[in-house]
Amino acid sequence: MTEVSIPAYRATLLFIYSIIYSLHMTEKKVTGPASYFPSIEKKYGKPIEHWMKELKKVSKLAHMEQVAHLKEKFEMGHGHANAIVAVFRQKNGLW
């Protein structure tokens, strides 16, 4: 069995870690309105699909009317409501 010095061992571990880190960093990051989704789910305790179903009930309303609906009925903040509505409308071809 070959002995490896501690500095060489650490250097090897750091090299492997840097490769894993760089692979992780190249994953596609969520941007735009959907980037709010994790904090929305955490704050309001419901999955995004719940909010999409709520918006289906008022899909005939205009964008800002849908935002107002989420704000008034569920006490949602403007930014969160707007993000959900934007994604809902984009996914349902309502632009």
PDB file of N, CA and C in Angstrom:
ATOM      1  N   MET A   1       0.843  -1.181   0.000  1.00  0.00           N
ATOM      2  CA  MET A   1       0.000   0.000   0.000  1.00  0.00           C
ATOM      3  C   MET A   1       0.885   1.240   0.000  1.00  0.00           C
ATOM      4  N   THR A   2       0.538   2.196  -0.819  1.00  0.00           N
ATOM      5  CA  THR A   2       1.312   3.423  -0.923  1.00  0.00           C
ATOM      6  C   THR A   2       0.822   4.430   0.106  1.00  0.00           C
ATOM      7  N   GLU A   3       1.771   5.042   0.787  1.00  0.00           N
ATOM      8  CA  GLU A   3       1.410   6.076   1.750  1.00  0.00           C
ATOM      9  C   GLU A   3       1.284   7.411   1.035  1.00  0.00           C
ATOM     10  N   VAL A   4       0.301   8.163   1.430  1.00  0.00           N
ATOM     11  CA  VAL A   4       0.077   9.487   0.854  1.00  0.00           C
ATOM     12  C   VAL A   4       0.240  10.501   1.968  1.00  0.00           C
ATOM     13  N   SER A   5       0.988  11.538   1.701  1.00  0.00           N
ATOM     14  CA  SER A   5       1.185  12.555   2.730  1.00  0.00           C
ATOM     15  C   SER A   5      -0.123  13.316   2.955  1.00  0.00           C
ATOM     16  N   ILE A   6      -0.259  13.865   4.138  1.00  0.00           N
ATOM     17  CA  ILE A   6      -1.472  14.608   4.477  1.00  0.00           C
ATOM     18  C   ILE A   6      -1.672  15.799   3.539  1.00  0.00           C
ATOM     19  N   PRO A   7      -0.633  16.600   3.231  1.00  0.00           N
ATOM     20  CA  PRO A   7      -0.856  17.706   2.289  1.00  0.00           C
ATOM     21  C   PRO A   7      -1.335  17.230   0.916  1.00  0.00           C
ATOM     22  N   ALA A   8      -0.802  16.116   0.427  1.00  0.00           N
ATOM     23  CA  ALA A   8      -1.236  15.593  -0.874  1.00  0.00           C
ATOM     24  C   ALA A   8      -2.677  15.107  -0.793  1.00  0.00           C
ATOM     25  N   TYR A   9      -3.038  14.491   0.316  1.00  0.00           N
ATOM     26  CA  TYR A   9      -4.396  14.005   0.534  1.00  0.00           C
ATOM     27  C   TYR A   9      -5.371  15.183   0.551  1.00  0.00           C
ATOM     28  N   ARG A  10      -5.008  16.228   1.286  1.00  0.00           N
ATOM     29  CA  ARG A  10      -5.861  17.423   1.356  1.00  0.00           C
ATOM     30  C   ARG A  10      -5.998  18.078  -0.014  1.00  0.00           C
ATOM     31  N   ALA A  11      -4.903  18.143  -0.739  1.00  0.00           N
ATOM     32  CA  ALA A  11      -4.941  18.742  -2.077  1.00  0.00           C
ATOM     33  C   ALA A  11      -5.869  17.953  -2.991  1.00  0.00           C
ATOM     34  N   THR A  12      -5.822  16.625  -2.872  1.00  0.00           N
ATOM     35  CA  THR A  12      -6.700  15.777  -3.681  1.00  0.00           C
ATOM     36  C   THR A  12      -8.160  16.010  -3.310  1.00  0.00           C
ATOM     37  N   LEU A  13      -8.430  16.072  -2.008  1.00  0.00           N
ATOM     38  CA  LEU A  13      -9.804  16.326  -1.563  1.00  0.00           C
ATOM     39  C   LEU A  13     -10.301  17.688  -2.039  1.00  0.00           C
ATOM     40  N   LEU A  14      -9.461  18.698  -1.957  1.00  0.00           N
ATOM     41  CA  LEU A  14      -9.847  20.030  -2.423  1.00  0.00           C
ATOM     42  C   LEU A  14     -10.117  20.034  -3.924  1.00  0.00           C
ATOM     43  N   PHE A  15      -9.315  19.296  -4.664  1.00  0.00           N
ATOM     44  CA  PHE A  15      -9.510  19.201  -6.104  1.00  0.00           C
ATOM     45  C   PHE A  15     -10.861  18.552  -6.416  1.00  0.00           C
ATOM     46  N   ILE A  16     -11.142  17.448  -5.746  1.00  0.00           N
ATOM     47  CA  ILE A  16     -12.415  16.750  -5.958  1.00  0.00           C
ATOM     48  C   ILE A  16     -13.580  17.657  -5.568  1.00  0.00           C
ATOM     49  N   TYR A  17     -13.441  18.337  -4.430  1.00  0.00           N
ATOM     50  CA  TYR A  17     -14.484  19.250  -3.980  1.00  0.00           C
ATOM     51  C   TYR A  17     -14.717  20.359  -5.010  1.00  0.00           C
ATOM     52  N   SER A  18     -13.647  20.900  -5.569  1.00  0.00           N
ATOM     53  CA  SER A  18     -13.797  21.988  -6.541  1.00  0.00           C
ATOM     54  C   SER A  18     -14.515  21.514  -7.798  1.00  0.00           C
ATOM     55  N   ILE A  19     -14.281  20.272  -8.204  1.00  0.00           N
ATOM     56  CA  ILE A  19     -14.980  19.722  -9.369  1.00  0.00           C
ATOM     57  C   ILE A  19     -16.466  19.573  -9.068  1.00  0.00           C
ATOM     58  N   ILE A  20     -16.773  19.002  -7.909  1.00  0.00           N
ATOM     59  CA  ILE A  20     -18.174  18.823  -7.518  1.00  0.00           C
ATOM     60  C   ILE A  20     -18.868  20.177  -7.417  1.00  0.00           C
ATOM     61  N   TYR A  21     -18.197  21.149  -6.817  1.00  0.00           N
ATOM     62  CA  TYR A  21     -18.759  22.487  -6.662  1.00  0.00           C
ATOM     63  C   TYR A  21     -19.024  23.127  -8.024  1.00  0.00           C
ATOM     64  N   SER A  22     -18.080  23.000  -8.934  1.00  0.00           N
ATOM     65  CA  SER A  22     -18.267  23.620 -10.249  1.00  0.00           C
ATOM     66  C   SER A  22     -19.398  22.949 -11.018  1.00  0.00           C
ATOM     67  N   LEU A  23     -19.559  21.643 -10.858  1.00  0.00           N
ATOM     68  CA  LEU A  23     -20.680  20.957 -11.502  1.00  0.00           C
ATOM     69  C   LEU A  23     -21.999  21.435 -10.926  1.00  0.00           C
ATOM     70  N   HIS A  24     -22.022  21.612  -9.617  1.00  0.00           N
ATOM     71  CA  HIS A  24     -23.230  22.097  -8.953  1.00  0.00           C
ATOM     72  C   HIS A  24     -23.572  23.510  -9.420  1.00  0.00           C
ATOM     73  N   MET A  25     -22.591  24.346  -9.580  1.00  0.00           N
ATOM     74  CA  MET A  25     -22.819  25.737  -9.955  1.00  0.00           C
ATOM     75  C   MET A  25     -23.256  25.885 -11.408  1.00  0.00           C
ATOM     76  N   THR A  26     -23.029  24.860 -12.228  1.00  0.00           N
ATOM     77  CA  THR A  26     -23.443  24.953 -13.626  1.00  0.00           C
ATOM     78  C   THR A  26     -24.885  24.511 -13.831  1.00  0.00           C
ATOM     79  N   GLU A  27     -25.530  24.009 -12.762  1.00  0.00           N
ATOM     80  CA  GLU A  27     -26.933  23.653 -12.880  1.00  0.00           C
ATOM     81  C   GLU A  27     -27.728  24.923 -13.173  1.00  0.00           C
ATOM     82  N   LYS A  28     -28.784  24.776 -13.945  1.00  0.00           N
ATOM     83  CA  LYS A  28     -29.581  25.938 -14.309  1.00  0.00           C
ATOM     84  C   LYS A  28     -30.298  26.477 -13.076  1.00  0.00           C
ATOM     85  N   LYS A  29     -30.075  27.743 -12.801  1.00  0.00           N
ATOM     86  CA  LYS A  29     -30.731  28.382 -11.672  1.00  0.00           C
ATOM     87  C   LYS A  29     -32.062  28.954 -12.130  1.00  0.00           C
ATOM     88  N   VAL A  30     -33.033  28.881 -11.234  1.00  0.00           N
ATOM     89  CA  VAL A  30     -34.343  29.441 -11.523  1.00  0.00           C
ATOM     90  C   VAL A  30     -34.235  30.956 -11.423  1.00  0.00           C
ATOM     91  N   THR A  31     -34.718  31.635 -12.441  1.00  0.00           N
ATOM     92  CA  THR A  31     -34.697  33.093 -12.445  1.00  0.00           C
ATOM     93  C   THR A  31     -36.096  33.615 -12.736  1.00  0.00           C
ATOM     94  N   GLY A  32     -36.263  34.895 -12.642  1.00  0.00           N
ATOM     95  CA  GLY A  32     -37.548  35.511 -12.934  1.00  0.00           C
ATOM     96  C   GLY A  32     -38.553  35.274 -11.822  1.00  0.00           C
ATOM     97  N   PRO A  33     -39.836  35.404 -12.135  1.00  0.00           N
ATOM     98  CA  PRO A  33     -40.869  35.277 -11.110  1.00  0.00           C
ATOM     99  C   PRO A  33     -40.838  33.950 -10.351  1.00  0.00           C
ATOM    100  N   ALA A  34     -40.489  32.860 -11.031  1.00  0.00           N
ATOM    101  CA  ALA A  34     -40.466  31.548 -10.370  1.00  0.00           C
ATOM    102  C   ALA A  34     -39.412  31.465  -9.274  1.00  0.00           C
ATOM    103  N   SER A  35     -38.450  32.366  -9.274  1.00  0.00           N
ATOM    104  CA  SER A  35     -37.426  32.343  -8.222  1.00  0.00           C
ATOM    105  C   SER A  35     -38.022  32.681  -6.853  1.00  0.00           C
ATOM    106  N   TYR A  36     -39.210  33.263  -6.829  1.00  0.00           N
ATOM    107  CA  TYR A  36     -39.893  33.576  -5.569  1.00  0.00           C
ATOM    108  C   TYR A  36     -40.611  32.359  -4.979  1.00  0.00           C
ATOM    109  N   PHE A  37     -40.820  31.318  -5.764  1.00  0.00           N
ATOM    110  CA  PHE A  37     -41.665  30.212  -5.340  1.00  0.00           C
ATOM    111  C   PHE A  37     -41.257  29.553  -4.021  1.00  0.00           C
ATOM    112  N   PRO A  38     -39.977  29.262  -3.776  1.00  0.00           N
ATOM    113  CA  PRO A  38     -39.639  28.652  -2.488  1.00  0.00           C
ATOM    114  C   PRO A  38     -40.042  29.520  -1.290  1.00  0.00           C
ATOM    115  N   SER A  39     -39.828  30.823  -1.380  1.00  0.00           N
ATOM    116  CA  SER A  39     -40.197  31.685  -0.256  1.00  0.00           C
ATOM    117  C   SER A  39     -41.714  31.832  -0.142  1.00  0.00           C
ATOM    118  N   ILE A  40     -42.421  31.788  -1.263  1.00  0.00           N
ATOM    119  CA  ILE A  40     -43.885  31.851  -1.226  1.00  0.00           C
ATOM    120  C   ILE A  40     -44.435  30.614  -0.525  1.00  0.00           C
ATOM    121  N   GLU A  41     -43.918  29.446  -0.896  1.00  0.00           N
ATOM    122  CA  GLU A  41     -44.381  28.199  -0.261  1.00  0.00           C
ATOM    123  C   GLU A  41     -44.089  28.205   1.228  1.00  0.00           C
ATOM    124  N   LYS A  42     -42.938  28.708   1.599  1.00  0.00           N
ATOM    125  CA  LYS A  42     -42.562  28.751   3.015  1.00  0.00           C
ATOM    126  C   LYS A  42     -43.450  29.730   3.786  1.00  0.00           C
ATOM    127  N   LYS A  43     -43.648  30.912   3.239  1.00  0.00           N
ATOM    128  CA  LYS A  43     -44.392  31.952   3.949  1.00  0.00           C
ATOM    129  C   LYS A  43     -45.871  31.619   4.100  1.00  0.00           C
ATOM    130  N   TYR A  44     -46.493  31.089   3.042  1.00  0.00           N
ATOM    131  CA  TYR A  44     -47.938  30.878   3.061  1.00  0.00           C
ATOM    132  C   TYR A  44     -48.342  29.430   3.328  1.00  0.00           C
ATOM    133  N   GLY A  45     -47.360  28.527   3.397  1.00  0.00           N
ATOM    134  CA  GLY A  45     -47.624  27.144   3.782  1.00  0.00           C
ATOM    135  C   GLY A  45     -48.392  26.314   2.767  1.00  0.00           C
ATOM    136  N   LYS A  46     -48.427  26.753   1.539  1.00  0.00           N
ATOM    137  CA  LYS A  46     -49.133  26.016   0.484  1.00  0.00           C
ATOM    138  C   LYS A  46     -48.198  25.851  -0.709  1.00  0.00           C
ATOM    139  N   PRO A  47     -48.321  24.728  -1.422  1.00  0.00           N
ATOM    140  CA  PRO A  47     -47.499  24.555  -2.631  1.00  0.00           C
ATOM    141  C   PRO A  47     -47.976  25.499  -3.738  1.00  0.00           C
ATOM    142  N   ILE A  48     -47.119  25.783  -4.667  1.00  0.00           N
ATOM    143  CA  ILE A  48     -47.457  26.680  -5.778  1.00  0.00           C
ATOM    144  C   ILE A  48     -48.664  26.163  -6.551  1.00  0.00           C
ATOM    145  N   GLU A  49     -48.788  24.851  -6.661  1.00  0.00           N
ATOM    146  CA  GLU A  49     -49.935  24.279  -7.372  1.00  0.00           C
ATOM    147  C   GLU A  49     -51.259  24.735  -6.747  1.00  0.00           C
ATOM    148  N   HIS A  50     -51.292  24.911  -5.436  1.00  0.00           N
ATOM    149  CA  HIS A  50     -52.496  25.414  -4.759  1.00  0.00           C
ATOM    150  C   HIS A  50     -52.878  26.792  -5.311  1.00  0.00           C
ATOM    151  N   TRP A  51     -51.875  27.659  -5.449  1.00  0.00           N
ATOM    152  CA  TRP A  51     -52.139  29.019  -5.935  1.00  0.00           C
ATOM    153  C   TRP A  51     -52.533  29.009  -7.408  1.00  0.00           C
ATOM    154  N   MET A  52     -51.980  28.083  -8.170  1.00  0.00           N
ATOM    155  CA  MET A  52     -52.360  27.971  -9.578  1.00  0.00           C
ATOM    156  C   MET A  52     -53.834  27.563  -9.700  1.00  0.00           C
ATOM    157  N   LYS A  53     -54.280  26.666  -8.818  1.00  0.00           N
ATOM    158  CA  LYS A  53     -55.688  26.253  -8.820  1.00  0.00           C
ATOM    159  C   LYS A  53     -56.589  27.418  -8.426  1.00  0.00           C
ATOM    160  N   GLU A  54     -56.140  28.208  -7.465  1.00  0.00           N
ATOM    161  CA  GLU A  54     -56.912  29.392  -7.072  1.00  0.00           C
ATOM    162  C   GLU A  54     -57.052  30.359  -8.241  1.00  0.00           C
ATOM    163  N   LEU A  55     -55.982  30.533  -8.988  1.00  0.00           N
ATOM    164  CA  LEU A  55     -56.030  31.456 -10.127  1.00  0.00           C
ATOM    165  C   LEU A  55     -56.892  30.924 -11.269  1.00  0.00           C
ATOM    166  N   LYS A  56     -57.002  29.600 -11.398  1.00  0.00           N
ATOM    167  CA  LYS A  56     -57.887  29.045 -12.434  1.00  0.00           C
ATOM    168  C   LYS A  56     -59.327  29.484 -12.196  1.00  0.00           C
ATOM    169  N   LYS A  57     -59.680  29.662 -10.927  1.00  0.00           N
ATOM    170  CA  LYS A  57     -61.041  30.087 -10.582  1.00  0.00           C
ATOM    171  C   LYS A  57     -61.327  31.507 -11.066  1.00  0.00           C
ATOM    172  N   VAL A  58     -60.276  32.310 -11.216  1.00  0.00           N
ATOM    173  CA  VAL A  58     -60.448  33.706 -11.632  1.00  0.00           C
ATOM    174  C   VAL A  58     -59.651  33.991 -12.908  1.00  0.00           C
ATOM    175  N   SER A  59     -59.534  32.986 -13.749  1.00  0.00           N
ATOM    176  CA  SER A  59     -58.689  33.117 -14.942  1.00  0.00           C
ATOM    177  C   SER A  59     -59.215  34.137 -15.946  1.00  0.00           C
ATOM    178  N   LYS A  60     -60.477  34.506 -15.854  1.00  0.00           N
ATOM    179  CA  LYS A  60     -61.048  35.492 -16.781  1.00  0.00           C
ATOM    180  C   LYS A  60     -60.647  36.923 -16.410  1.00  0.00           C
ATOM    181  N   LEU A  61     -60.168  37.124 -15.188  1.00  0.00           N
ATOM    182  CA  LEU A  61     -59.782  38.468 -14.753  1.00  0.00           C
ATOM    183  C   LEU A  61     -58.478  38.899 -15.411  1.00  0.00           C
ATOM    184  N   ALA A  62     -58.273  40.200 -15.465  1.00  0.00           N
ATOM    185  CA  ALA A  62     -57.018  40.755 -15.978  1.00  0.00           C
ATOM    186  C   ALA A  62     -55.894  40.497 -14.975  1.00  0.00           C
ATOM    187  N   HIS A  63     -54.677  40.650 -15.430  1.00  0.00           N
ATOM    188  CA  HIS A  63     -53.492  40.383 -14.608  1.00  0.00           C
ATOM    189  C   HIS A  63     -53.578  41.069 -13.239  1.00  0.00           C
ATOM    190  N   MET A  64     -53.748  42.379 -13.230  1.00  0.00           N
ATOM    191  CA  MET A  64     -53.741  43.103 -11.959  1.00  0.00           C
ATOM    192  C   MET A  64     -54.957  42.780 -11.101  1.00  0.00           C
ATOM    193  N   GLU A  65     -56.049  42.377 -11.710  1.00  0.00           N
ATOM    194  CA  GLU A  65     -57.217  41.937 -10.941  1.00  0.00           C
ATOM    195  C   GLU A  65     -56.917  40.605 -10.255  1.00  0.00           C
ATOM    196  N   GLN A  66     -56.177  39.740 -10.926  1.00  0.00           N
ATOM    197  CA  GLN A  66     -55.770  38.477 -10.302  1.00  0.00           C
ATOM    198  C   GLN A  66     -54.810  38.742  -9.148  1.00  0.00           C
ATOM    199  N   VAL A  67     -53.896  39.672  -9.337  1.00  0.00           N
ATOM    200  CA  VAL A  67     -52.969  40.050  -8.262  1.00  0.00           C
ATOM    201  C   VAL A  67     -53.770  40.564  -7.067  1.00  0.00           C
ATOM    202  N   ALA A  68     -54.724  41.455  -7.324  1.00  0.00           N
ATOM    203  CA  ALA A  68     -55.558  42.008  -6.253  1.00  0.00           C
ATOM    204  C   ALA A  68     -56.337  40.903  -5.543  1.00  0.00           C
ATOM    205  N   HIS A  69     -56.813  39.931  -6.300  1.00  0.00           N
ATOM    206  CA  HIS A  69     -57.549  38.801  -5.716  1.00  0.00           C
ATOM    207  C   HIS A  69     -56.685  38.056  -4.688  1.00  0.00           C
ATOM    208  N   LEU A  70     -55.452  37.732  -5.066  1.00  0.00           N
ATOM    209  CA  LEU A  70     -54.562  37.023  -4.139  1.00  0.00           C
ATOM    210  C   LEU A  70     -54.226  37.885  -2.925  1.00  0.00           C
ATOM    211  N   LYS A  71     -54.034  39.162  -3.146  1.00  0.00           N
ATOM    212  CA  LYS A  71     -53.693  40.071  -2.052  1.00  0.00           C
ATOM    213  C   LYS A  71     -54.851  40.212  -1.070  1.00  0.00           C
ATOM    214  N   GLU A  72     -56.052  40.376  -1.589  1.00  0.00           N
ATOM    215  CA  GLU A  72     -57.218  40.611  -0.737  1.00  0.00           C
ATOM    216  C   GLU A  72     -57.712  39.339  -0.053  1.00  0.00           C
ATOM    217  N   LYS A  73     -57.830  38.272  -0.803  1.00  0.00           N
ATOM    218  CA  LYS A  73     -58.405  37.043  -0.245  1.00  0.00           C
ATOM    219  C   LYS A  73     -57.429  36.287   0.658  1.00  0.00           C
ATOM    220  N   PHE A  74     -56.125  36.352   0.324  1.00  0.00           N
ATOM    221  CA  PHE A  74     -55.151  35.546   1.057  1.00  0.00           C
ATOM    222  C   PHE A  74     -54.090  36.378   1.775  1.00  0.00           C
ATOM    223  N   GLU A  75     -54.254  37.704   1.758  1.00  0.00           N
ATOM    224  CA  GLU A  75     -53.306  38.618   2.402  1.00  0.00           C
ATOM    225  C   GLU A  75     -51.875  38.389   1.918  1.00  0.00           C
ATOM    226  N   MET A  76     -51.758  38.159   0.638  1.00  0.00           N
ATOM    227  CA  MET A  76     -50.456  37.913   0.028  1.00  0.00           C
ATOM    228  C   MET A  76     -49.816  39.251  -0.332  1.00  0.00           C
ATOM    229  N   GLY A  77     -48.503  39.317  -0.214  1.00  0.00           N
ATOM    230  CA  GLY A  77     -47.783  40.518  -0.609  1.00  0.00           C
ATOM    231  C   GLY A  77     -47.846  40.726  -2.114  1.00  0.00           C
ATOM    232  N   HIS A  78     -47.676  41.977  -2.537  1.00  0.00           N
ATOM    233  CA  HIS A  78     -47.797  42.305  -3.956  1.00  0.00           C
ATOM    234  C   HIS A  78     -46.782  41.551  -4.818  1.00  0.00           C
ATOM    235  N   GLY A  79     -45.527  41.517  -4.395  1.00  0.00           N
ATOM    236  CA  GLY A  79     -44.492  40.851  -5.189  1.00  0.00           C
ATOM    237  C   GLY A  79     -44.752  39.368  -5.359  1.00  0.00           C
ATOM    238  N   HIS A  80     -45.170  38.714  -4.272  1.00  0.00           N
ATOM    239  CA  HIS A  80     -45.468  37.286  -4.347  1.00  0.00           C
ATOM    240  C   HIS A  80     -46.678  37.032  -5.245  1.00  0.00           C
ATOM    241  N   ALA A  81     -47.727  37.824  -5.058  1.00  0.00           N
ATOM    242  CA  ALA A  81     -48.928  37.654  -5.876  1.00  0.00           C
ATOM    243  C   ALA A  81     -48.613  37.888  -7.355  1.00  0.00           C
ATOM    244  N   ASN A  82     -47.870  38.915  -7.635  1.00  0.00           N
ATOM    245  CA  ASN A  82     -47.524  39.239  -9.020  1.00  0.00           C
ATOM    246  C   ASN A  82     -46.686  38.127  -9.655  1.00  0.00           C
ATOM    247  N   ALA A  83     -45.767  37.547  -8.894  1.00  0.00           N
ATOM    248  CA  ALA A  83     -44.928  36.460  -9.418  1.00  0.00           C
ATOM    249  C   ALA A  83     -45.775  35.244  -9.784  1.00  0.00           C
ATOM    250  N   ILE A  84     -46.695  34.883  -8.910  1.00  0.00           N
ATOM    251  CA  ILE A  84     -47.552  33.722  -9.174  1.00  0.00           C
ATOM    252  C   ILE A  84     -48.432  33.980 -10.396  1.00  0.00           C
ATOM    253  N   VAL A  85     -49.028  35.155 -10.450  1.00  0.00           N
ATOM    254  CA  VAL A  85     -49.900  35.492 -11.579  1.00  0.00           C
ATOM    255  C   VAL A  85     -49.111  35.498 -12.887  1.00  0.00           C
ATOM    256  N   ALA A  86     -47.923  36.050 -12.870  1.00  0.00           N
ATOM    257  CA  ALA A  86     -47.110  36.109 -14.092  1.00  0.00           C
ATOM    258  C   ALA A  86     -46.831  34.712 -14.635  1.00  0.00           C
ATOM    259  N   VAL A  87     -46.447  33.792 -13.756  1.00  0.00           N
ATOM    260  CA  VAL A  87     -46.155  32.423 -14.197  1.00  0.00           C
ATOM    261  C   VAL A  87     -47.440  31.727 -14.637  1.00  0.00           C
ATOM    262  N   PHE A  88     -48.519  31.923 -13.882  1.00  0.00           N
ATOM    263  CA  PHE A  88     -49.808  31.327 -14.247  1.00  0.00           C
ATOM    264  C   PHE A  88     -50.234  31.759 -15.650  1.00  0.00           C
ATOM    265  N   ARG A  89     -50.162  33.056 -15.906  1.00  0.00           N
ATOM    266  CA  ARG A  89     -50.606  33.581 -17.196  1.00  0.00           C
ATOM    267  C   ARG A  89     -49.704  33.103 -18.331  1.00  0.00           C
ATOM    268  N   GLN A  90     -48.416  33.030 -18.071  1.00  0.00           N
ATOM    269  CA  GLN A  90     -47.478  32.559 -19.093  1.00  0.00           C
ATOM    270  C   GLN A  90     -47.725  31.088 -19.421  1.00  0.00           C
ATOM    271  N   LYS A  91     -47.930  30.273 -18.386  1.00  0.00           N
ATOM    272  CA  LYS A  91     -48.149  28.836 -18.607  1.00  0.00           C
ATOM    273  C   LYS A  91     -49.483  28.546 -19.284  1.00  0.00           C
ATOM    274  N   ASN A  92     -50.441  29.444 -19.101  1.00  0.00           N
ATOM    275  CA  ASN A  92     -51.771  29.225 -19.664  1.00  0.00           C
ATOM    276  C   ASN A  92     -52.039  30.060 -20.916  1.00  0.00           C
ATOM    277  N   GLY A  93     -50.990  30.641 -21.466  1.00  0.00           N
ATOM    278  CA  GLY A  93     -51.124  31.400 -22.706  1.00  0.00           C
ATOM    279  C   GLY A  93     -52.015  32.624 -22.598  1.00  0.00           C
ATOM    280  N   LEU A  94     -52.005  33.268 -21.454  1.00  0.00           N
ATOM    281  CA  LEU A  94     -52.878  34.423 -21.239  1.00  0.00           C
ATOM    282  C   LEU A  94     -52.167  35.755 -21.427  1.00  0.00           C
ATOM    283  N   TRP A  95     -51.023  35.766 -22.052  1.00  0.00           N
ATOM    284  CA  TRP A  95     -50.293  37.020 -22.275  1.00  0.00           C
ATOM    285  C   TRP A  95     -50.848  37.751 -23.441  1.00  0.00           C
TER     286      TRP A  95
END
